[in-house]
Amino acid sequence: PGLGSLLIEGIYEKDILIIQGAVLVIGVTFALSNLIVDVLYMLIDPRIRL
């Protein structure tokens, strides 16, 4: 029950669409979380510029 389980099942079943979708969701989540952390860090420490 989760995205990792879905990805593993897609790999076992050789379901390319499931694999692509899961990797896309993981990548977008990772990128957005990094962006949010950078913006919060900039707000906390005004010496930091993006």
C-alpha atoms as a PDB file:
ATOM      1  CA  PRO A   1       0.000   0.000   0.000  1.00  0.00           C
ATOM      2  CA  GLY A   2       2.059   2.879  -1.267  1.00  0.00           C
ATOM      3  CA  LEU A   3       3.927   4.347  -4.163  1.00  0.00           C
ATOM      4  CA  GLY A   4       6.995   2.178  -3.607  1.00  0.00           C
ATOM      5  CA  SER A   5       4.907  -0.985  -3.643  1.00  0.00           C
ATOM      6  CA  LEU A   6       3.192   0.176  -6.816  1.00  0.00           C
ATOM      7  CA  LEU A   7       6.556   0.856  -8.446  1.00  0.00           C
ATOM      8  CA  ILE A   8       7.945  -2.555  -7.478  1.00  0.00           C
ATOM      9  CA  GLU A   9       4.797  -4.279  -8.722  1.00  0.00           C
ATOM     10  CA  GLY A  10       5.016  -2.349 -11.992  1.00  0.00           C
ATOM     11  CA  ILE A  11       8.620  -3.470 -12.409  1.00  0.00           C
ATOM     12  CA  TYR A  12       7.704  -7.106 -11.786  1.00  0.00           C
ATOM     13  CA  GLU A  13       4.791  -6.887 -14.228  1.00  0.00           C
ATOM     14  CA  LYS A  14       6.873  -4.895 -16.768  1.00  0.00           C
ATOM     15  CA  ASP A  15       4.161  -2.211 -16.849  1.00  0.00           C
ATOM     16  CA  ILE A  16       5.955   0.769 -18.356  1.00  0.00           C
ATOM     17  CA  LEU A  17       3.130   3.259 -17.754  1.00  0.00           C
ATOM     18  CA  ILE A  18       3.005   2.459 -14.033  1.00  0.00           C
ATOM     19  CA  ILE A  19       6.797   2.745 -13.787  1.00  0.00           C
ATOM     20  CA  GLN A  20       6.848   6.068 -15.659  1.00  0.00           C
ATOM     21  CA  GLY A  21       4.000   7.473 -13.587  1.00  0.00           C
ATOM     22  CA  ALA A  22       5.533   6.451 -10.283  1.00  0.00           C
ATOM     23  CA  VAL A  23       8.968   7.812 -11.222  1.00  0.00           C
ATOM     24  CA  LEU A  24       7.362  11.064 -12.395  1.00  0.00           C
ATOM     25  CA  VAL A  25       5.444  11.476  -9.135  1.00  0.00           C
ATOM     26  CA  ILE A  26       8.553  10.717  -7.062  1.00  0.00           C
ATOM     27  CA  GLY A  27      10.666  13.139  -9.114  1.00  0.00           C
ATOM     28  CA  VAL A  28       8.139  15.982  -8.954  1.00  0.00           C
ATOM     29  CA  THR A  29       7.670  15.456  -5.217  1.00  0.00           C
ATOM     30  CA  PHE A  30      11.436  15.532  -4.682  1.00  0.00           C
ATOM     31  CA  ALA A  31      11.872  18.687  -6.778  1.00  0.00           C
ATOM     32  CA  LEU A  32       8.994  20.524  -5.103  1.00  0.00           C
ATOM     33  CA  SER A  33      10.174  19.591  -1.621  1.00  0.00           C
ATOM     34  CA  ASN A  34      13.658  20.906  -2.433  1.00  0.00           C
ATOM     35  CA  LEU A  35      12.167  24.149  -3.767  1.00  0.00           C
ATOM     36  CA  ILE A  36      10.040  24.590  -0.646  1.00  0.00           C
ATOM     37  CA  VAL A  37      13.041  23.990   1.618  1.00  0.00           C
ATOM     38  CA  ASP A  38      15.107  26.530  -0.348  1.00  0.00           C
ATOM     39  CA  VAL A  39      12.393  29.179  -0.094  1.00  0.00           C
ATOM     40  CA  LEU A  40      11.910  28.555   3.624  1.00  0.00           C
ATOM     41  CA  TYR A  41      15.661  28.745   4.176  1.00  0.00           C
ATOM     42  CA  MET A  42      15.728  32.060   2.319  1.00  0.00           C
ATOM     43  CA  LEU A  43      12.926  33.392   4.540  1.00  0.00           C
ATOM     44  CA  ILE A  44      14.675  32.254   7.713  1.00  0.00           C
ATOM     45  CA  ASP A  45      18.109  33.620   6.766  1.00  0.00           C
ATOM     46  CA  PRO A  46      17.865  36.856   4.750  1.00  0.00           C
ATOM     47  CA  ARG A  47      21.539  36.632   3.705  1.00  0.00           C
ATOM     48  CA  ILE A  48      20.628  33.751   1.377  1.00  0.00           C
ATOM     49  CA  ARG A  49      19.504  34.675  -2.140  1.00  0.00           C
ATOM     50  CA  LEU A  50      18.011  32.374  -4.743  1.00  0.00           C
END
